[in-house]
């Protein structure tokens, strides 16, 4: 018997995050950060975003369902739910309940991320992720969300890309709180690992049957010169600090070097995942550079690559997604592609990018890797953090002035893929080849 390329229960969807689409999220650290001169590269602000908080969420979920999506990944905004320490806003919980209920009514399964980068203003004022009390506070919020919303959530993610947050906010200074200190980045990493454990335990206390995971950004980091020992050494260092530390800690339940020299146990950390998520965008070819001490002596040199004037998402490289899925699977849990997309304002790269990465997922499924879903980034154009509104990732183009949505060509191609549950993949790829 020929095995179907994708299981019947495989999830097909797209992803969003609260601050990027909700709009007027005025009580969080990112809203304050955006007011600083020069920190948002195109000079824009999140503003009304994609209008989700004001009612557009249900409309976009309807569009997703009409395009054959079977699931959606979204996040909860901490600053709305807990605008002051220990004071929860029942209206915010009610609004999230409405959004989740709408998704369920449309037949969409939901993956809900408890924290997607942003912090309440009060948490930022208290030290952000350098504050050792923050993990317990997020755990308390997670328990409340699981208790109130859990009957409408299929999958919980504790944190989104804590590895990116530690780098950008505490080592590179490009995101709030704007630190440029390696020691602070390591301290933030430790607290983020603790926060993951607190959230994982909190959700399971309220909902023992819940499926709770963690989402990491795992680029393919490869040596620019495969036989060059210094290139390989730099790649090992970069990969360990950005990816390996997190995976090792999740597997062994200890804080490895450089988080600690003694490798102390973090209670509850080992195996604290029912599934794992990968956000994957591209390949970083890395060359040793003795003058790049601020980058740990490594420089990204991949060409071609997908970049703006300020950010580089790497070279389009579907085999890297397959390799990282295999790597995650060695931890023994099901895996999901929780984000995969490309900055492409003209929608020229996105159709092939999307199909070839889904083909990479099909390849590892055929090998026996337990991949259970694919979420494209993103459903609709949104506020892309430090890039502002200049970089478009959405299947749906957004006119910020009118809030009008226009499906891109890639939206229809992905819709055909979703409606066929992956069976149309080869035909869709052949169609792109024929069209040149």
Protein backbone atom coordinates (compact mmCIF):
# COMPACT_ATOMS: atom_id res chain seq x y z
CA UNK A 1 0.00 0.00 0.00
CA UNK A 2 1.33 3.45 -0.95
CA UNK A 3 1.47 5.73 2.08
CA UNK A 4 -0.31 9.07 1.70
CA UNK A 5 2.24 11.91 1.59
CA UNK A 6 0.51 13.79 4.41
CA UNK A 7 -1.58 12.24 7.19
CA UNK A 8 -5.28 13.07 7.24
CA UNK A 9 -4.86 14.87 10.58
CA UNK A 10 -1.93 17.01 9.34
CA UNK A 11 -2.61 20.70 10.08
CA UNK A 12 -2.51 23.26 7.27
CA UNK A 13 -2.54 26.87 8.35
CA UNK A 14 -0.90 30.24 8.78
CA UNK A 15 0.35 32.19 11.78
CA UNK A 16 -0.05 35.63 13.35
CA UNK A 17 1.05 37.26 16.60
CA UNK A 18 -0.83 39.65 18.84
CA UNK A 19 1.18 42.87 18.67
CA UNK A 20 1.75 42.50 14.95
CA UNK A 21 -1.92 42.29 13.96
CA UNK A 22 -4.17 43.45 16.83
CA UNK A 23 -3.54 47.19 16.81
CA UNK A 24 -3.40 49.93 19.46
CA UNK A 25 -1.55 47.72 21.91
CA UNK A 26 -0.51 50.73 23.96
CA UNK A 27 0.52 49.19 27.28
CA UNK A 28 3.41 47.00 26.15
CA UNK A 29 7.14 47.47 25.84
CA UNK A 30 7.07 47.41 22.04
CA UNK A 31 4.59 50.31 21.84
CA UNK A 32 6.98 52.42 23.91
CA UNK A 33 9.99 51.19 21.93
CA UNK A 34 8.38 52.27 18.66
CA UNK A 35 8.24 55.87 19.85
CA UNK A 36 12.04 56.11 19.93
CA UNK A 37 13.67 57.75 16.95
CA UNK A 38 15.40 55.40 14.56
CA UNK A 39 14.60 52.04 16.15
CA UNK A 40 11.97 51.12 13.54
CA UNK A 41 13.83 51.10 10.28
CA UNK A 42 11.09 52.43 8.02
CA UNK A 43 9.95 55.00 10.57
CA UNK A 44 6.47 53.53 11.00
CA UNK A 45 4.55 52.46 14.11
CA UNK A 46 2.34 49.46 14.73
CA UNK A 47 -0.67 51.77 15.16
CA UNK A 48 -3.94 50.06 14.31
CA UNK A 49 -2.02 47.15 12.78
CA UNK A 50 -4.36 44.74 10.98
CA UNK A 51 -7.33 45.61 13.19
CA UNK A 52 -7.72 42.24 14.87
CA UNK A 53 -8.64 43.60 18.28
CA UNK A 54 -11.33 45.81 16.73
CA UNK A 55 -13.02 42.92 14.93
CA UNK A 56 -10.95 42.03 11.89
CA UNK A 57 -9.69 38.79 13.45
CA UNK A 58 -12.93 36.95 12.70
CA UNK A 59 -12.89 38.22 9.11
CA UNK A 60 -9.34 37.00 8.50
CA UNK A 61 -10.06 33.64 10.09
CA UNK A 62 -13.04 33.33 7.76
CA UNK A 63 -10.73 34.05 4.83
CA UNK A 64 -8.29 31.41 6.08
CA UNK A 65 -11.04 28.81 6.37
CA UNK A 66 -12.33 29.67 2.89
CA UNK A 67 -8.83 29.03 1.54
CA UNK A 68 -8.84 25.52 2.95
CA UNK A 69 -6.78 26.14 6.08
CA UNK A 70 -7.52 23.69 8.85
CA UNK A 71 -5.69 25.48 11.67
CA UNK A 72 -4.38 28.84 12.79
CA UNK A 73 -1.58 29.86 15.11
CA UNK A 74 -2.07 33.06 17.14
CA UNK A 75 -0.79 34.55 20.39
CA UNK A 76 -2.14 36.19 23.52
CA UNK A 77 -1.06 39.70 24.53
CA UNK A 78 0.19 39.77 28.12
CA UNK A 79 -0.23 43.54 28.48
CA UNK A 80 -3.94 43.29 27.63
CA UNK A 81 -4.57 40.37 29.95
CA UNK A 82 -2.62 41.72 32.94
CA UNK A 83 -2.35 45.52 32.55
CA UNK A 84 -1.02 45.86 36.12
CA UNK A 85 0.74 43.27 38.28
CA UNK A 86 -1.85 40.81 39.55
CA UNK A 87 -4.76 42.69 37.98
CA UNK A 88 -6.37 40.76 35.16
CA UNK A 89 -8.75 42.23 32.62
CA UNK A 90 -11.78 39.95 32.11
CA UNK A 91 -12.70 41.85 28.95
CA UNK A 92 -9.44 40.86 27.31
CA UNK A 93 -9.99 37.21 28.19
CA UNK A 94 -13.49 37.53 26.79
CA UNK A 95 -12.20 38.99 23.52
CA UNK A 96 -9.69 36.18 23.08
CA UNK A 97 -12.49 33.75 23.84
CA UNK A 98 -14.52 35.30 21.02
CA UNK A 99 -11.64 34.93 18.56
CA UNK A 100 -11.01 31.32 19.55
CA UNK A 101 -14.71 30.53 19.41
CA UNK A 102 -14.87 32.00 15.91
CA UNK A 103 -11.96 29.81 14.83
CA UNK A 104 -13.62 26.73 16.26
CA UNK A 105 -16.89 27.59 14.53
CA UNK A 106 -15.01 27.77 11.23
CA UNK A 107 -13.48 24.35 11.76
CA UNK A 108 -10.01 25.74 12.47
CA UNK A 109 -7.89 24.09 15.12
CA UNK A 110 -5.90 26.56 17.19
CA UNK A 111 -2.31 26.79 18.34
CA UNK A 112 -2.04 29.53 20.98
CA UNK A 113 1.28 31.07 21.98
CA UNK A 114 1.31 32.41 25.52
CA UNK A 115 4.11 34.92 24.95
CA UNK A 116 5.24 36.20 21.55
CA UNK A 117 8.04 38.64 22.50
CA UNK A 118 6.06 41.52 24.05
CA UNK A 119 5.91 42.41 27.75
CA UNK A 120 3.56 44.64 29.74
CA UNK A 121 4.97 48.08 30.46
CA UNK A 122 5.14 47.23 34.17
CA UNK A 123 7.25 44.14 33.44
CA UNK A 124 9.60 46.14 31.24
CA UNK A 125 9.97 48.76 33.98
CA UNK A 126 10.89 45.98 36.41
CA UNK A 127 13.81 44.74 34.34
CA UNK A 128 12.15 42.69 31.58
CA UNK A 129 13.61 39.19 31.35
CA UNK A 130 16.42 40.12 33.72
CA UNK A 131 13.78 40.06 36.46
CA UNK A 132 13.86 36.67 38.15
CA UNK A 133 10.22 36.94 39.24
CA UNK A 134 8.90 37.21 35.68
CA UNK A 135 8.81 33.43 34.97
CA UNK A 136 6.44 32.85 37.88
CA UNK A 137 4.28 35.80 36.85
CA UNK A 138 3.92 34.46 33.32
CA UNK A 139 3.16 31.05 34.78
CA UNK A 140 0.31 32.52 36.83
CA UNK A 141 -1.12 34.20 33.74
CA UNK A 142 -0.78 30.95 31.78
CA UNK A 143 -2.79 29.08 34.39
CA UNK A 144 -5.60 31.62 34.16
CA UNK A 145 -5.62 31.47 30.36
CA UNK A 146 -5.66 27.68 30.36
CA UNK A 147 -8.51 27.63 32.86
CA UNK A 148 -10.68 30.12 30.97
CA UNK A 149 -9.75 29.46 27.35
CA UNK A 150 -8.45 25.91 27.37
CA UNK A 151 -11.60 24.27 26.02
CA UNK A 152 -11.07 26.25 22.78
CA UNK A 153 -7.34 25.59 22.36
CA UNK A 154 -5.89 22.53 20.66
CA UNK A 155 -2.19 23.25 21.14
CA UNK A 156 -0.37 25.58 23.53
CA UNK A 157 3.06 27.12 22.87
CA UNK A 158 4.78 28.60 25.89
CA UNK A 159 7.19 31.04 24.22
CA UNK A 160 7.94 32.12 20.68
CA UNK A 161 11.62 32.18 19.68
CA UNK A 162 13.21 32.91 23.06
CA UNK A 163 16.58 32.47 21.32
CA UNK A 164 15.81 35.39 18.98
CA UNK A 165 14.51 37.54 21.83
CA UNK A 166 17.63 37.01 23.93
CA UNK A 167 19.85 37.93 20.99
CA UNK A 168 17.95 40.93 19.68
CA UNK A 169 16.88 42.47 22.97
CA UNK A 170 19.79 41.74 25.29
CA UNK A 171 22.93 41.23 23.18
CA UNK A 172 22.36 43.17 19.93
CA UNK A 173 20.29 46.02 21.40
CA UNK A 174 17.96 46.17 18.40
CA UNK A 175 14.76 45.27 20.28
CA UNK A 176 13.50 46.24 23.72
CA UNK A 177 14.91 46.56 26.28
CA UNK A 178 17.86 47.53 24.06
CA UNK A 179 20.78 45.99 25.99
CA UNK A 180 24.12 45.22 24.37
CA UNK A 181 25.56 42.96 27.04
CA UNK A 182 26.33 39.29 26.56
CA UNK A 183 26.03 38.62 30.29
CA UNK A 184 22.52 40.07 30.26
CA UNK A 185 21.59 37.96 27.25
CA UNK A 186 22.70 34.83 29.12
CA UNK A 187 20.72 35.89 32.18
CA UNK A 188 17.65 36.49 30.04
CA UNK A 189 18.09 33.06 28.43
CA UNK A 190 18.10 31.43 31.85
CA UNK A 191 14.92 33.23 32.90
CA UNK A 192 13.24 32.41 29.59
CA UNK A 193 13.97 28.71 30.11
CA UNK A 194 12.49 28.99 33.59
CA UNK A 195 9.46 30.79 32.16
CA UNK A 196 8.92 27.97 29.70
CA UNK A 197 8.87 25.46 32.56
CA UNK A 198 6.47 27.60 34.61
CA UNK A 199 4.07 27.92 31.66
CA UNK A 200 4.29 24.24 30.80
CA UNK A 201 3.48 23.22 34.37
CA UNK A 202 0.74 25.83 34.78
CA UNK A 203 -1.17 24.74 31.70
CA UNK A 204 -0.90 21.09 32.66
CA UNK A 205 -2.13 21.79 36.18
CA UNK A 206 -5.28 23.35 34.75
CA UNK A 207 -5.61 21.04 31.74
CA UNK A 208 -3.78 17.73 32.32
CA UNK A 209 -4.67 16.58 28.81
CA UNK A 210 -3.24 19.71 27.14
CA UNK A 211 -0.56 19.53 24.48
CA UNK A 212 2.10 22.10 25.34
CA UNK A 213 5.26 22.88 23.38
CA UNK A 214 7.99 25.43 22.73
CA UNK A 215 8.76 27.28 19.48
CA UNK A 216 12.37 27.94 18.47
CA UNK A 217 13.88 29.70 15.49
CA UNK A 218 16.31 27.22 13.92
CA UNK A 219 18.10 28.56 10.84
CA UNK A 220 20.45 26.35 8.90
CA UNK A 221 23.92 27.62 9.88
CA UNK A 222 26.60 26.20 7.60
CA UNK A 223 30.29 26.93 6.93
CA UNK A 224 30.96 29.06 3.88
CA UNK A 225 34.01 26.85 3.21
CA UNK A 226 33.24 23.29 4.24
CA UNK A 227 36.90 22.26 4.56
CA UNK A 228 37.96 25.37 6.46
CA UNK A 229 38.50 24.53 10.14
CA UNK A 230 37.91 28.07 11.39
CA UNK A 231 34.67 28.37 9.43
CA UNK A 232 33.48 25.09 10.93
CA UNK A 233 34.49 26.22 14.43
CA UNK A 234 32.59 29.49 14.10
CA UNK A 235 29.52 27.64 12.81
CA UNK A 236 29.63 25.26 15.76
CA UNK A 237 29.81 28.19 18.18
CA UNK A 238 27.01 30.14 16.53
CA UNK A 239 24.75 27.12 16.28
CA UNK A 240 25.41 26.08 19.87
CA UNK A 241 24.64 29.49 21.32
CA UNK A 242 21.58 30.13 19.15
CA UNK A 243 20.07 26.64 18.93
CA UNK A 244 22.05 23.93 20.67
CA UNK A 245 21.88 25.41 24.18
CA UNK A 246 18.08 25.34 24.12
CA UNK A 247 17.78 21.82 22.74
CA UNK A 248 20.37 20.43 25.15
CA UNK A 249 18.69 22.09 28.11
CA UNK A 250 15.27 20.73 27.12
CA UNK A 251 16.67 17.23 26.79
CA UNK A 252 18.87 17.14 29.88
CA UNK A 253 17.10 19.57 32.20
CA UNK A 254 20.27 21.47 33.05
CA UNK A 255 21.77 24.83 32.21
CA UNK A 256 24.74 24.19 29.92
CA UNK A 257 27.72 26.40 29.20
CA UNK A 258 27.71 29.38 28.83
CA UNK A 259 24.55 29.77 30.94
CA UNK A 260 26.38 28.08 33.80
CA UNK A 261 29.71 26.38 34.36
CA UNK A 262 28.20 23.92 36.86
CA UNK A 263 25.29 22.73 34.72
CA UNK A 264 22.72 23.04 37.51
CA UNK A 265 19.41 21.22 37.24
CA UNK A 266 16.32 23.29 36.47
CA UNK A 267 13.45 21.39 38.12
CA UNK A 268 10.89 20.29 35.57
CA UNK A 269 12.88 21.37 32.51
CA UNK A 270 13.90 17.93 31.18
CA UNK A 271 11.26 16.72 28.73
CA UNK A 272 9.01 19.75 29.34
CA UNK A 273 7.43 19.54 25.91
CA UNK A 274 4.66 17.49 24.35
CA UNK A 275 5.66 18.80 20.94
CA UNK A 276 8.25 21.17 19.48
CA UNK A 277 7.88 23.91 16.90
CA UNK A 278 10.38 25.20 14.37
CA UNK A 279 10.39 28.65 12.80
CA UNK A 280 12.56 28.40 9.71
CA UNK A 281 13.39 31.02 7.08
CA UNK A 282 16.72 30.18 5.45
CA UNK A 283 20.40 29.24 5.46
CA UNK A 284 23.22 31.33 6.90
CA UNK A 285 26.59 30.56 5.30
CA UNK A 286 29.17 31.70 7.81
CA UNK A 287 32.81 32.63 7.28
CA UNK A 288 35.47 33.18 9.94
CA UNK A 289 36.31 36.87 10.26
CA UNK A 290 39.02 37.89 12.75
CA UNK A 291 37.67 41.46 12.74
CA UNK A 292 34.12 40.47 13.71
CA UNK A 293 34.55 40.03 17.46
CA UNK A 294 31.10 41.53 18.04
CA UNK A 295 29.68 38.66 15.96
CA UNK A 296 31.82 35.99 17.64
CA UNK A 297 34.19 36.09 14.67
CA UNK A 298 31.62 34.94 12.15
CA UNK A 299 30.19 36.79 9.15
CA UNK A 300 27.19 35.73 7.07
CA UNK A 301 28.18 35.66 3.41
CA UNK A 302 25.44 33.65 1.68
CA UNK A 303 24.48 34.76 -1.82
CA UNK A 304 21.81 34.87 -2.99
CA UNK A 305 19.92 35.81 0.16
CA UNK A 306 16.65 37.39 1.26
CA UNK A 307 17.48 40.69 2.92
CA UNK A 308 16.32 44.21 3.50
CA UNK A 309 18.65 47.12 4.17
CA UNK A 310 18.71 46.15 7.85
CA UNK A 311 17.88 42.44 8.20
CA UNK A 312 18.87 39.19 6.52
CA UNK A 313 16.62 36.13 6.64
CA UNK A 314 19.14 33.95 4.84
CA UNK A 315 19.37 32.05 1.60
CA UNK A 316 16.30 30.15 0.45
CA UNK A 317 17.24 26.56 1.27
CA UNK A 318 14.46 23.98 1.77
CA UNK A 319 16.92 21.15 2.65
CA UNK A 320 17.79 23.14 5.76
CA UNK A 321 14.20 22.86 6.98
CA UNK A 322 14.32 19.10 6.48
CA UNK A 323 17.60 18.86 8.40
CA UNK A 324 16.30 20.90 11.33
CA UNK A 325 13.08 18.86 11.49
CA UNK A 326 15.18 15.71 11.75
CA UNK A 327 17.24 17.36 14.47
CA UNK A 328 14.19 18.34 16.52
CA UNK A 329 12.69 14.87 16.13
CA UNK A 330 15.66 13.33 17.95
CA UNK A 331 14.19 14.77 21.17
CA UNK A 332 11.35 12.27 20.85
CA UNK A 333 8.31 14.53 20.45
CA UNK A 334 6.07 15.42 17.49
CA UNK A 335 7.16 18.50 15.58
CA UNK A 336 5.36 21.32 13.79
CA UNK A 337 6.57 23.90 11.31
CA UNK A 338 5.20 26.86 13.26
CA UNK A 339 6.54 29.58 10.93
CA UNK A 340 7.93 29.43 7.41
CA UNK A 341 7.78 32.33 5.00
CA UNK A 342 9.69 34.85 2.94
CA UNK A 343 9.98 38.64 2.72
CA UNK A 344 8.65 39.22 -0.78
CA UNK A 345 6.71 42.40 -1.45
CA UNK A 346 6.10 41.46 -5.09
CA UNK A 347 5.05 37.86 -4.39
CA UNK A 348 7.54 36.54 -6.91
CA UNK A 349 9.50 34.23 -4.62
CA UNK A 350 6.74 33.15 -2.25
CA UNK A 351 4.84 30.60 -4.40
CA UNK A 352 7.90 28.44 -5.09
CA UNK A 353 9.35 29.07 -1.62
CA UNK A 354 6.16 27.82 -0.01
CA UNK A 355 5.78 24.73 -2.21
CA UNK A 356 9.41 23.66 -2.00
CA UNK A 357 9.45 23.93 1.78
CA UNK A 358 6.27 21.88 2.01
CA UNK A 359 8.00 19.36 -0.26
CA UNK A 360 10.85 19.23 2.26
CA UNK A 361 8.28 18.44 4.97
CA UNK A 362 6.90 15.65 2.77
CA UNK A 363 10.40 14.22 2.40
CA UNK A 364 10.98 13.92 6.14
CA UNK A 365 7.48 12.52 6.67
CA UNK A 366 8.41 9.76 4.23
CA UNK A 367 11.46 9.06 6.40
CA UNK A 368 9.23 8.57 9.42
CA UNK A 369 9.71 11.95 11.12
CA UNK A 370 6.55 12.80 13.05
CA UNK A 371 5.66 16.20 11.55
CA UNK A 372 2.09 17.17 12.34
CA UNK A 373 1.50 20.54 10.75
CA UNK A 374 2.71 23.45 8.64
CA UNK A 375 1.93 27.10 9.45
CA UNK A 376 2.90 29.72 6.87
CA UNK A 377 4.18 33.09 8.07
CA UNK A 378 2.03 35.04 7.80
CA UNK A 379 -1.69 35.08 7.09
CA UNK A 380 -1.79 38.86 6.52
CA UNK A 381 0.84 41.59 6.18
CA UNK A 382 1.73 42.86 9.63
CA UNK A 383 4.05 45.03 11.68
CA UNK A 384 7.39 43.23 11.31
CA UNK A 385 9.08 44.38 14.51
CA UNK A 386 12.20 46.45 13.78
CA UNK A 387 11.46 46.45 10.07
CA UNK A 388 8.08 48.14 10.54
CA UNK A 389 5.61 47.81 7.67
CA UNK A 390 8.13 47.73 4.82
CA UNK A 391 8.61 43.95 4.69
CA UNK A 392 5.59 41.94 3.57
CA UNK A 393 5.19 38.30 4.53
CA UNK A 394 1.41 37.89 4.21
CA UNK A 395 -0.64 35.62 2.01
CA UNK A 396 -3.08 38.53 2.17
CA UNK A 397 -1.80 41.99 1.21
CA UNK A 398 -3.00 44.70 3.59
CA UNK A 399 -3.85 48.29 2.74
CA UNK A 400 -3.20 49.91 6.12
CA UNK A 401 -5.26 52.99 5.31
CA UNK A 402 -8.45 51.19 4.23
CA UNK A 403 -7.81 47.83 5.99
CA UNK A 404 -8.66 46.16 2.67
CA UNK A 405 -7.21 42.68 2.17
CA UNK A 406 -6.13 41.42 -1.25
CA UNK A 407 -5.18 37.75 -1.66
CA UNK A 408 -1.82 37.35 -3.33
CA UNK A 409 -1.14 34.69 -5.97
CA UNK A 410 0.62 32.66 -3.29
CA UNK A 411 -2.59 32.66 -1.22
CA UNK A 412 -4.44 30.85 -3.99
CA UNK A 413 -1.58 28.41 -4.58
CA UNK A 414 -1.48 27.61 -0.87
CA UNK A 415 -5.28 27.31 -0.89
CA UNK A 416 -5.06 24.64 -3.60
CA UNK A 417 -2.46 22.83 -1.54
CA UNK A 418 -4.57 23.02 1.62
CA UNK A 419 -7.80 21.93 -0.06
CA UNK A 420 -6.05 18.91 -1.55
CA UNK A 421 -4.39 18.16 1.83
CA UNK A 422 -1.04 18.21 0.06
CA UNK A 423 -1.98 15.90 -2.81
CA UNK A 424 -1.66 18.73 -5.38
CA UNK A 425 1.94 19.55 -4.43
CA UNK A 426 3.65 18.02 -7.47
CA UNK A 427 1.12 19.45 -9.91
CA UNK A 428 1.48 22.91 -8.38
CA UNK A 429 5.27 22.72 -8.63
CA UNK A 430 4.99 21.56 -12.23
CA UNK A 431 2.71 24.50 -12.95
CA UNK A 432 5.34 26.92 -11.64
CA UNK A 433 7.99 25.23 -13.76
CA UNK A 434 5.81 25.48 -16.86
CA UNK A 435 5.11 29.14 -16.21
CA UNK A 436 8.80 29.86 -15.93
